[in-house]
Amino acid sequence: MTTLEPARIAAADVERAVNGPGRRPSRLPRPWTIVTTGGMPGVMSLASRLCELGYRVPDFSVDVHEGVSCSSISCTVALTTDEQDAFADGVRRLPGVLSVEPF
């Protein structure tokens, strides 16, 4: 009796098969936690910058307290699997951002 094992398929091949040739990969809502400085002006600056960079942010909530050095942002950003690392690296380089972590 012969046993057949499924062939190993690379993730890129699966995504290409699902999306078809010439189609862009699907963007899914991905949750992030961003810690920033600068109080409310720092948060507003970051929110504006995300919009300027063209990211779709369907959910954005902020925890800002007077006299506390850091603010916490919880947001959902529509990204493909390949865009996640670039998003985190790009946001980390913005002024006042202390950390960017997937939720």
C-alpha atoms as a PDB file:
ATOM      1  CA  MET A   1       0.000   0.000   0.000  1.00  0.00           C
ATOM      2  CA  THR A   2       1.318   3.434  -0.913  1.00  0.00           C
ATOM      3  CA  THR A   3       0.743   6.423   1.327  1.00  0.00           C
ATOM      4  CA  LEU A   4       0.551   9.816  -0.286  1.00  0.00           C
ATOM      5  CA  GLU A   5       1.558  12.878   1.673  1.00  0.00           C
ATOM      6  CA  PRO A   6       0.367  16.343   0.730  1.00  0.00           C
ATOM      7  CA  ALA A   7       2.918  18.443  -1.086  1.00  0.00           C
ATOM      8  CA  ARG A   8       4.369  21.364   0.837  1.00  0.00           C
ATOM      9  CA  ILE A   9       3.093  24.646  -0.596  1.00  0.00           C
ATOM     10  CA  ALA A  10       4.789  27.980   0.104  1.00  0.00           C
ATOM     11  CA  ALA A  11       2.645  30.700   1.715  1.00  0.00           C
ATOM     12  CA  ALA A  12       3.233  33.011  -1.258  1.00  0.00           C
ATOM     13  CA  ASP A  13       1.892  30.331  -3.629  1.00  0.00           C
ATOM     14  CA  VAL A  14      -1.215  29.850  -1.493  1.00  0.00           C
ATOM     15  CA  GLU A  15      -1.869  33.599  -1.371  1.00  0.00           C
ATOM     16  CA  ARG A  16      -1.396  33.869  -5.144  1.00  0.00           C
ATOM     17  CA  ALA A  17      -3.815  30.955  -5.691  1.00  0.00           C
ATOM     18  CA  VAL A  18      -6.439  32.498  -3.416  1.00  0.00           C
ATOM     19  CA  ASN A  19      -6.135  36.043  -4.774  1.00  0.00           C
ATOM     20  CA  GLY A  20      -5.583  35.083  -8.405  1.00  0.00           C
ATOM     21  CA  PRO A  21      -3.067  36.554 -10.815  1.00  0.00           C
ATOM     22  CA  GLY A  22      -2.865  40.324 -10.837  1.00  0.00           C
ATOM     23  CA  ARG A  23      -5.071  40.772  -7.773  1.00  0.00           C
ATOM     24  CA  ARG A  24      -3.832  42.555  -4.699  1.00  0.00           C
ATOM     25  CA  PRO A  25      -3.623  40.618  -1.424  1.00  0.00           C
ATOM     26  CA  SER A  26      -6.523  41.162   0.960  1.00  0.00           C
ATOM     27  CA  ARG A  27      -6.116  43.685   3.746  1.00  0.00           C
ATOM     28  CA  LEU A  28      -7.432  42.459   7.064  1.00  0.00           C
ATOM     29  CA  PRO A  29      -8.021  44.476  10.233  1.00  0.00           C
ATOM     30  CA  ARG A  30      -5.027  43.934  12.509  1.00  0.00           C
ATOM     31  CA  PRO A  31      -4.955  45.282  16.089  1.00  0.00           C
ATOM     32  CA  TRP A  32      -1.959  47.266  17.398  1.00  0.00           C
ATOM     33  CA  THR A  33      -0.929  48.931  20.641  1.00  0.00           C
ATOM     34  CA  ILE A  34       1.234  52.039  20.266  1.00  0.00           C
ATOM     35  CA  VAL A  35       2.856  53.860  23.193  1.00  0.00           C
ATOM     36  CA  THR A  36       3.729  57.480  22.515  1.00  0.00           C
ATOM     37  CA  THR A  37       4.831  60.636  24.328  1.00  0.00           C
ATOM     38  CA  GLY A  38       3.633  64.210  24.030  1.00  0.00           C
ATOM     39  CA  GLY A  39       0.158  63.898  25.535  1.00  0.00           C
ATOM     40  CA  MET A  40      -2.812  64.789  23.388  1.00  0.00           C
ATOM     41  CA  PRO A  41      -0.752  66.765  20.804  1.00  0.00           C
ATOM     42  CA  GLY A  42       1.503  63.701  20.371  1.00  0.00           C
ATOM     43  CA  VAL A  43      -1.484  61.421  19.860  1.00  0.00           C
ATOM     44  CA  MET A  44      -3.114  63.788  17.375  1.00  0.00           C
ATOM     45  CA  SER A  45       0.163  64.118  15.471  1.00  0.00           C
ATOM     46  CA  LEU A  46       0.465  60.329  15.229  1.00  0.00           C
ATOM     47  CA  ALA A  47      -3.166  59.973  14.079  1.00  0.00           C
ATOM     48  CA  SER A  48      -2.607  62.602  11.376  1.00  0.00           C
ATOM     49  CA  ARG A  49       0.592  60.914  10.256  1.00  0.00           C
ATOM     50  CA  LEU A  50      -1.143  57.520   9.904  1.00  0.00           C
ATOM     51  CA  CYS A  51      -3.743  59.147   7.647  1.00  0.00           C
ATOM     52  CA  GLU A  52      -1.056  60.937   5.621  1.00  0.00           C
ATOM     53  CA  LEU A  53       0.761  57.627   5.079  1.00  0.00           C
ATOM     54  CA  GLY A  54      -2.460  56.209   3.603  1.00  0.00           C
ATOM     55  CA  TYR A  55      -3.290  53.622   6.251  1.00  0.00           C
ATOM     56  CA  ARG A  56      -6.957  52.729   6.761  1.00  0.00           C
ATOM     57  CA  VAL A  57      -7.621  52.904  10.511  1.00  0.00           C
ATOM     58  CA  PRO A  58     -11.216  51.794  11.219  1.00  0.00           C
ATOM     59  CA  ASP A  59     -10.772  51.708  15.008  1.00  0.00           C
ATOM     60  CA  PHE A  60      -8.719  54.157  17.124  1.00  0.00           C
ATOM     61  CA  SER A  61      -8.896  54.660  20.887  1.00  0.00           C
ATOM     62  CA  VAL A  62      -6.586  56.597  23.174  1.00  0.00           C
ATOM     63  CA  ASP A  63      -5.716  56.568  26.861  1.00  0.00           C
ATOM     64  CA  VAL A  64      -4.188  59.947  27.800  1.00  0.00           C
ATOM     65  CA  HIS A  65      -3.765  61.135  31.399  1.00  0.00           C
ATOM     66  CA  GLU A  66      -2.620  64.571  32.575  1.00  0.00           C
ATOM     67  CA  GLY A  67       0.827  64.428  34.162  1.00  0.00           C
ATOM     68  CA  VAL A  68       1.710  60.975  32.811  1.00  0.00           C
ATOM     69  CA  SER A  69       4.640  60.832  30.399  1.00  0.00           C
ATOM     70  CA  CYS A  70       3.203  58.167  28.050  1.00  0.00           C
ATOM     71  CA  SER A  71      -0.072  57.685  26.220  1.00  0.00           C
ATOM     72  CA  SER A  72      -1.444  54.381  24.959  1.00  0.00           C
ATOM     73  CA  ILE A  73      -3.170  54.010  21.610  1.00  0.00           C
ATOM     74  CA  SER A  74      -5.160  50.928  20.651  1.00  0.00           C
ATOM     75  CA  CYS A  75      -5.968  50.844  16.971  1.00  0.00           C
ATOM     76  CA  THR A  76      -6.901  48.521  14.169  1.00  0.00           C
ATOM     77  CA  VAL A  77      -5.138  49.005  10.853  1.00  0.00           C
ATOM     78  CA  ALA A  78      -6.081  47.279   7.586  1.00  0.00           C
ATOM     79  CA  LEU A  79      -2.910  45.505   6.416  1.00  0.00           C
ATOM     80  CA  THR A  80      -1.824  42.523   4.358  1.00  0.00           C
ATOM     81  CA  THR A  81       0.415  39.916   5.956  1.00  0.00           C
ATOM     82  CA  ASP A  82       3.423  41.357   4.122  1.00  0.00           C
ATOM     83  CA  GLU A  83       2.692  44.945   5.272  1.00  0.00           C
ATOM     84  CA  GLN A  84       2.698  44.197   9.018  1.00  0.00           C
ATOM     85  CA  ASP A  85       6.465  44.426   9.582  1.00  0.00           C
ATOM     86  CA  ALA A  86       6.802  47.524   7.394  1.00  0.00           C
ATOM     87  CA  PHE A  87       3.956  49.197   9.301  1.00  0.00           C
ATOM     88  CA  ALA A  88       5.554  48.528  12.696  1.00  0.00           C
ATOM     89  CA  ASP A  89       9.009  49.666  11.541  1.00  0.00           C
ATOM     90  CA  GLY A  90       7.625  52.824   9.917  1.00  0.00           C
ATOM     91  CA  VAL A  91       5.569  53.845  12.964  1.00  0.00           C
ATOM     92  CA  ARG A  92       8.520  53.188  15.318  1.00  0.00           C
ATOM     93  CA  ARG A  93      10.509  55.801  13.378  1.00  0.00           C
ATOM     94  CA  LEU A  94       7.879  58.514  13.923  1.00  0.00           C
ATOM     95  CA  PRO A  95       8.700  61.170  16.541  1.00  0.00           C
ATOM     96  CA  GLY A  96       7.503  60.409  20.055  1.00  0.00           C
ATOM     97  CA  VAL A  97       6.689  56.732  19.448  1.00  0.00           C
ATOM     98  CA  LEU A  98       8.136  54.486  22.154  1.00  0.00           C
ATOM     99  CA  SER A  99       6.738  51.107  21.092  1.00  0.00           C
ATOM    100  CA  VAL A 100       4.540  49.447  18.476  1.00  0.00           C
ATOM    101  CA  GLU A 101       3.262  45.956  19.209  1.00  0.00           C
ATOM    102  CA  PRO A 102       0.578  43.733  17.706  1.00  0.00           C
ATOM    103  CA  PHE A 103      -2.333  43.512  20.122  1.00  0.00           C
END
